[in-house]
Each structure stands twice: as structure tokens, then as C-alpha cells.
Amino acid sequence: MKTSNNQVTVDEAKAALKSLENIEKGTFLFSRPPLWINAIISLLVGVATMATAMSSNNSLWTLVAILAALAVILSFVILSLRLRTLGMALKSAPPTWAGKIFSVAAAVVIGLVMVGAMKFYDGGAVWAPYAAAAMNGIACSFLLYSYLPNEWVAKGDS
């Protein structure tokens, strides 16, 4: 990569940058959870949403909501252990302020969907828990696929 006068040419610099981009993209794609873990976590989030919405004055649905929340936590522990066996570590918090704000906003939106579904269900809308479960499950699947390593996938990279 070095020439006799220790200067790097423009072509060599472009090749090095392209190589770094390919490595970063490969690492991101490698760190994504497998589809089966993504599906399990997303389904569990949907079940937790539905059970939370239906748990008003019903201890069985409250138990289901608690068990689903514990299963989501266990799934993330399994995902973290899987990444550790592959030589990677799951970041516990985004490295940038924009990522932190986005993560908090996503959690607030998912929580508001749960609370909104509970209020709609209490008001007589029987469909609300199912719609909220679908919304939160899809949102969770999207976030796990696109945002797990705390970086967005550029268009065309996935």
C-alpha cells in the first residue's frame, strides 16, 4: 500500500475505504439475529401487548403478560449469548445521543400502544388488543432487523 516515497495514492485510499465499508456491512449483517430469534421475540412482544391490553381485572391475562415479558428478556439473553459465542457483544445502549433518543422514543411508542389498547379494550373495542399486538410485533421485528446494532442499514444494503 505504500510507495517508495511513503505516499498513499488516491486509488489505494479509495480501495481501503471500500474495504472498510464492506467489513462494516458484513459485521452488521452478521450481528443481526437469525429470523427464528427475531420471530420469537416479535411474537412474544405481540403476546405481551395483547395480554397487557386484556389484563384489566383478569389475573390470568396478567400472568400471561408477565410470563411473556420474562420470555422476551430471556430471548434477549439468548441472543446476547449467541453473539458472544460468535465473538461479538450486544451493545446495551446506543453510542450516540440520536440513537438513545430514538430508542427511548421507540419504547415510549410501544408502551403507548399497549396502554391505548388497554383503554380501548376497557371501552368495549374487542379488536384493540389484537391490532395493538400486530402493531407492536411488526415494529419489534423491524427494529430487530434494522436497528439491533444501533445503526441504520443504508438503503440497498440489506
C-alpha atoms as a PDB file:
ATOM      1  CA  MET A   1       0.000   0.000   0.000  1.00  0.00           C
ATOM      2  CA  LYS A   2       2.942   2.289   0.494  1.00  0.00           C
ATOM      3  CA  THR A   3       5.045   3.549  -2.359  1.00  0.00           C
ATOM      4  CA  SER A   4       8.727   4.308  -2.220  1.00  0.00           C
ATOM      5  CA  ASN A   5       8.109   7.882  -1.017  1.00  0.00           C
ATOM      6  CA  ASN A   6       5.626   6.817   1.724  1.00  0.00           C
ATOM      7  CA  GLN A   7       2.686   8.449  -0.054  1.00  0.00           C
ATOM      8  CA  VAL A   8      -0.680   6.751  -0.471  1.00  0.00           C
ATOM      9  CA  THR A   9      -2.283   7.176  -3.853  1.00  0.00           C
ATOM     10  CA  VAL A  10      -5.900   8.189  -4.319  1.00  0.00           C
ATOM     11  CA  ASP A  11      -6.778   4.772  -5.740  1.00  0.00           C
ATOM     12  CA  GLU A  12      -5.234   3.000  -2.758  1.00  0.00           C
ATOM     13  CA  ALA A  13      -7.133   5.239  -0.333  1.00  0.00           C
ATOM     14  CA  LYS A  14     -10.431   4.588  -2.170  1.00  0.00           C
ATOM     15  CA  ALA A  15      -9.750   0.847  -2.124  1.00  0.00           C
ATOM     16  CA  ALA A  16      -9.041   0.963   1.620  1.00  0.00           C
ATOM     17  CA  LEU A  17     -12.279   2.896   2.295  1.00  0.00           C
ATOM     18  CA  LYS A  18     -14.269   0.459   0.165  1.00  0.00           C
ATOM     19  CA  SER A  19     -12.743  -2.441   2.080  1.00  0.00           C
ATOM     20  CA  LEU A  20     -13.689  -0.844   5.406  1.00  0.00           C
ATOM     21  CA  GLU A  21     -17.267  -0.295   4.192  1.00  0.00           C
ATOM     22  CA  ASN A  22     -17.516  -3.954   3.178  1.00  0.00           C
ATOM     23  CA  ILE A  23     -16.203  -5.077   6.564  1.00  0.00           C
ATOM     24  CA  GLU A  24     -18.670  -2.826   8.405  1.00  0.00           C
ATOM     25  CA  LYS A  25     -21.590  -4.048   6.298  1.00  0.00           C
ATOM     26  CA  GLY A  26     -20.576  -7.671   6.816  1.00  0.00           C
ATOM     27  CA  THR A  27     -20.308  -7.174  10.566  1.00  0.00           C
ATOM     28  CA  PHE A  28     -23.743  -5.566  10.690  1.00  0.00           C
ATOM     29  CA  LEU A  29     -25.340  -8.353   8.668  1.00  0.00           C
ATOM     30  CA  PHE A  30     -23.531 -10.970  10.766  1.00  0.00           C
ATOM     31  CA  SER A  31     -24.739  -9.428  14.037  1.00  0.00           C
ATOM     32  CA  ARG A  32     -28.414  -9.462  13.070  1.00  0.00           C
ATOM     33  CA  PRO A  33     -30.425 -12.035  14.946  1.00  0.00           C
ATOM     34  CA  PRO A  34     -31.461 -15.077  12.944  1.00  0.00           C
ATOM     35  CA  LEU A  35     -35.006 -14.944  11.635  1.00  0.00           C
ATOM     36  CA  TRP A  36     -36.167 -17.537  14.153  1.00  0.00           C
ATOM     37  CA  ILE A  37     -34.985 -15.428  17.111  1.00  0.00           C
ATOM     38  CA  ASN A  38     -36.466 -12.317  15.506  1.00  0.00           C
ATOM     39  CA  ALA A  39     -39.786 -14.124  15.002  1.00  0.00           C
ATOM     40  CA  ILE A  40     -39.850 -15.488  18.564  1.00  0.00           C
ATOM     41  CA  ILE A  41     -39.093 -12.104  20.144  1.00  0.00           C
ATOM     42  CA  SER A  42     -41.615 -10.321  17.917  1.00  0.00           C
ATOM     43  CA  LEU A  43     -44.333 -12.882  18.675  1.00  0.00           C
ATOM     44  CA  LEU A  44     -43.611 -12.639  22.389  1.00  0.00           C
ATOM     45  CA  VAL A  45     -43.842  -8.848  22.266  1.00  0.00           C
ATOM     46  CA  GLY A  46     -47.186  -9.226  20.460  1.00  0.00           C
ATOM     47  CA  VAL A  47     -48.421 -11.693  23.081  1.00  0.00           C
ATOM     48  CA  ALA A  48     -47.262  -9.389  25.884  1.00  0.00           C
ATOM     49  CA  THR A  49     -49.092  -6.477  24.228  1.00  0.00           C
ATOM     50  CA  MET A  50     -52.302  -8.465  23.791  1.00  0.00           C
ATOM     51  CA  ALA A  51     -52.164  -9.887  27.322  1.00  0.00           C
ATOM     52  CA  THR A  52     -51.451  -6.459  28.805  1.00  0.00           C
ATOM     53  CA  ALA A  53     -54.431  -4.979  26.994  1.00  0.00           C
ATOM     54  CA  MET A  54     -56.699  -7.805  28.166  1.00  0.00           C
ATOM     55  CA  SER A  55     -55.342  -7.925  31.721  1.00  0.00           C
ATOM     56  CA  SER A  56     -57.705  -5.366  33.197  1.00  0.00           C
ATOM     57  CA  ASN A  57     -59.375  -7.142  36.162  1.00  0.00           C
ATOM     58  CA  ASN A  58     -58.221 -10.540  34.914  1.00  0.00           C
ATOM     59  CA  SER A  59     -55.420 -12.282  36.746  1.00  0.00           C
ATOM     60  CA  LEU A  60     -54.894 -14.941  34.053  1.00  0.00           C
ATOM     61  CA  TRP A  61     -54.040 -12.361  31.384  1.00  0.00           C
ATOM     62  CA  THR A  62     -51.833 -10.543  33.880  1.00  0.00           C
ATOM     63  CA  LEU A  63     -49.908 -13.782  34.414  1.00  0.00           C
ATOM     64  CA  VAL A  64     -49.612 -14.268  30.643  1.00  0.00           C
ATOM     65  CA  ALA A  65     -48.318 -10.692  30.262  1.00  0.00           C
ATOM     66  CA  ILE A  66     -45.703 -11.222  32.993  1.00  0.00           C
ATOM     67  CA  LEU A  67     -44.597 -14.559  31.528  1.00  0.00           C
ATOM     68  CA  ALA A  68     -44.369 -13.069  28.018  1.00  0.00           C
ATOM     69  CA  ALA A  69     -42.268 -10.163  29.331  1.00  0.00           C
ATOM     70  CA  LEU A  70     -39.940 -12.603  31.085  1.00  0.00           C
ATOM     71  CA  ALA A  71     -39.720 -14.679  27.895  1.00  0.00           C
ATOM     72  CA  VAL A  72     -38.762 -11.541  25.916  1.00  0.00           C
ATOM     73  CA  ILE A  73     -35.989 -10.826  28.416  1.00  0.00           C
ATOM     74  CA  LEU A  74     -34.819 -14.455  28.228  1.00  0.00           C
ATOM     75  CA  SER A  75     -34.818 -14.252  24.414  1.00  0.00           C
ATOM     76  CA  PHE A  76     -32.569 -11.193  24.505  1.00  0.00           C
ATOM     77  CA  VAL A  77     -30.248 -13.004  26.917  1.00  0.00           C
ATOM     78  CA  ILE A  78     -30.095 -15.940  24.477  1.00  0.00           C
ATOM     79  CA  LEU A  79     -29.405 -13.514  21.612  1.00  0.00           C
ATOM     80  CA  SER A  80     -26.643 -11.857  23.629  1.00  0.00           C
ATOM     81  CA  LEU A  81     -25.088 -15.234  24.464  1.00  0.00           C
ATOM     82  CA  ARG A  82     -25.304 -16.255  20.793  1.00  0.00           C
ATOM     83  CA  LEU A  83     -23.433 -13.126  19.757  1.00  0.00           C
ATOM     84  CA  ARG A  84     -20.825 -13.701  22.473  1.00  0.00           C
ATOM     85  CA  THR A  85     -20.159 -17.206  21.161  1.00  0.00           C
ATOM     86  CA  LEU A  86     -19.595 -15.615  17.747  1.00  0.00           C
ATOM     87  CA  GLY A  87     -17.075 -13.202  19.284  1.00  0.00           C
ATOM     88  CA  MET A  88     -19.342 -10.152  19.352  1.00  0.00           C
ATOM     89  CA  ALA A  89     -21.057  -8.246  22.145  1.00  0.00           C
ATOM     90  CA  LEU A  90     -24.561  -6.793  22.018  1.00  0.00           C
ATOM     91  CA  LYS A  91     -24.476  -3.111  22.863  1.00  0.00           C
ATOM     92  CA  SER A  92     -26.665  -2.330  25.851  1.00  0.00           C
ATOM     93  CA  ALA A  93     -27.168   1.292  24.811  1.00  0.00           C
ATOM     94  CA  PRO A  94     -26.736   3.188  21.551  1.00  0.00           C
ATOM     95  CA  PRO A  95     -23.404   5.034  21.298  1.00  0.00           C
ATOM     96  CA  THR A  96     -24.880   8.321  20.035  1.00  0.00           C
ATOM     97  CA  TRP A  97     -27.428  10.691  21.515  1.00  0.00           C
ATOM     98  CA  ALA A  98     -29.582  10.356  18.414  1.00  0.00           C
ATOM     99  CA  GLY A  99     -29.631   6.588  18.911  1.00  0.00           C
ATOM    100  CA  LYS A 100     -30.506   6.980  22.582  1.00  0.00           C
ATOM    101  CA  ILE A 101     -33.349   9.368  21.781  1.00  0.00           C
ATOM    102  CA  PHE A 102     -34.617   7.021  19.074  1.00  0.00           C
ATOM    103  CA  SER A 103     -34.521   4.021  21.427  1.00  0.00           C
ATOM    104  CA  VAL A 104     -36.420   5.875  24.150  1.00  0.00           C
ATOM    105  CA  ALA A 105     -38.962   7.131  21.605  1.00  0.00           C
ATOM    106  CA  ALA A 106     -39.489   3.602  20.253  1.00  0.00           C
ATOM    107  CA  ALA A 107     -40.019   2.262  23.791  1.00  0.00           C
ATOM    108  CA  VAL A 108     -42.471   5.067  24.571  1.00  0.00           C
ATOM    109  CA  VAL A 109     -44.446   4.409  21.376  1.00  0.00           C
ATOM    110  CA  ILE A 110     -44.627   0.664  22.096  1.00  0.00           C
ATOM    111  CA  GLY A 111     -45.762   1.429  25.661  1.00  0.00           C
ATOM    112  CA  LEU A 112     -48.373   3.913  24.463  1.00  0.00           C
ATOM    113  CA  VAL A 113     -49.744   1.334  22.041  1.00  0.00           C
ATOM    114  CA  MET A 114     -50.102  -1.086  24.967  1.00  0.00           C
ATOM    115  CA  VAL A 115     -51.847   1.458  27.183  1.00  0.00           C
ATOM    116  CA  GLY A 116     -54.036   2.662  24.329  1.00  0.00           C
ATOM    117  CA  ALA A 117     -55.107  -0.885  23.537  1.00  0.00           C
ATOM    118  CA  MET A 118     -55.961  -1.449  27.202  1.00  0.00           C
ATOM    119  CA  LYS A 119     -58.120   1.689  27.280  1.00  0.00           C
ATOM    120  CA  PHE A 120     -59.850   0.810  24.010  1.00  0.00           C
ATOM    121  CA  TYR A 121     -60.497  -2.740  25.257  1.00  0.00           C
ATOM    122  CA  ASP A 122     -61.935  -1.389  28.503  1.00  0.00           C
ATOM    123  CA  GLY A 123     -64.156   0.847  26.372  1.00  0.00           C
ATOM    124  CA  GLY A 124     -65.554  -2.159  24.512  1.00  0.00           C
ATOM    125  CA  ALA A 125     -63.321  -2.397  21.443  1.00  0.00           C
ATOM    126  CA  VAL A 126     -62.634  -6.138  21.397  1.00  0.00           C
ATOM    127  CA  TRP A 127     -60.333  -5.813  18.363  1.00  0.00           C
ATOM    128  CA  ALA A 128     -57.914  -3.370  20.048  1.00  0.00           C
ATOM    129  CA  PRO A 129     -55.611  -5.932  21.759  1.00  0.00           C
ATOM    130  CA  TYR A 130     -55.181  -7.879  18.529  1.00  0.00           C
ATOM    131  CA  ALA A 131     -54.451  -4.772  16.457  1.00  0.00           C
ATOM    132  CA  ALA A 132     -52.005  -3.497  19.078  1.00  0.00           C
ATOM    133  CA  ALA A 133     -50.302  -6.907  19.246  1.00  0.00           C
ATOM    134  CA  ALA A 134     -49.837  -6.883  15.478  1.00  0.00           C
ATOM    135  CA  MET A 135     -48.535  -3.296  15.517  1.00  0.00           C
ATOM    136  CA  ASN A 136     -46.007  -3.919  18.302  1.00  0.00           C
ATOM    137  CA  GLY A 137     -44.928  -7.278  16.889  1.00  0.00           C
ATOM    138  CA  ILE A 138     -44.260  -5.777  13.456  1.00  0.00           C
ATOM    139  CA  ALA A 139     -42.495  -2.766  14.989  1.00  0.00           C
ATOM    140  CA  CYS A 140     -40.319  -5.051  17.125  1.00  0.00           C
ATOM    141  CA  SER A 141     -39.443  -7.211  14.126  1.00  0.00           C
ATOM    142  CA  PHE A 142     -38.485  -4.145  12.085  1.00  0.00           C
ATOM    143  CA  LEU A 143     -36.371  -2.704  14.891  1.00  0.00           C
ATOM    144  CA  LEU A 144     -34.576  -6.000  15.478  1.00  0.00           C
ATOM    145  CA  TYR A 145     -33.872  -6.382  11.777  1.00  0.00           C
ATOM    146  CA  SER A 146     -32.829  -2.803  11.050  1.00  0.00           C
ATOM    147  CA  TYR A 147     -31.611  -1.342  14.300  1.00  0.00           C
ATOM    148  CA  LEU A 148     -30.166  -4.014  16.598  1.00  0.00           C
ATOM    149  CA  PRO A 149     -26.513  -2.925  16.381  1.00  0.00           C
ATOM    150  CA  ASN A 150     -27.705   0.668  16.904  1.00  0.00           C
ATOM    151  CA  GLU A 151     -27.056   1.713  13.343  1.00  0.00           C
ATOM    152  CA  TRP A 152     -29.495   2.008  10.479  1.00  0.00           C
ATOM    153  CA  VAL A 153     -28.970  -0.072   7.373  1.00  0.00           C
ATOM    154  CA  ALA A 154     -28.376   2.181   4.378  1.00  0.00           C
ATOM    155  CA  LYS A 155     -30.860   1.732   1.554  1.00  0.00           C
ATOM    156  CA  GLY A 156     -29.822  -1.063  -0.741  1.00  0.00           C
ATOM    157  CA  ASP A 157     -27.530  -2.675   1.847  1.00  0.00           C
ATOM    158  CA  SER A 158     -29.973  -5.234   3.223  1.00  0.00           C
END
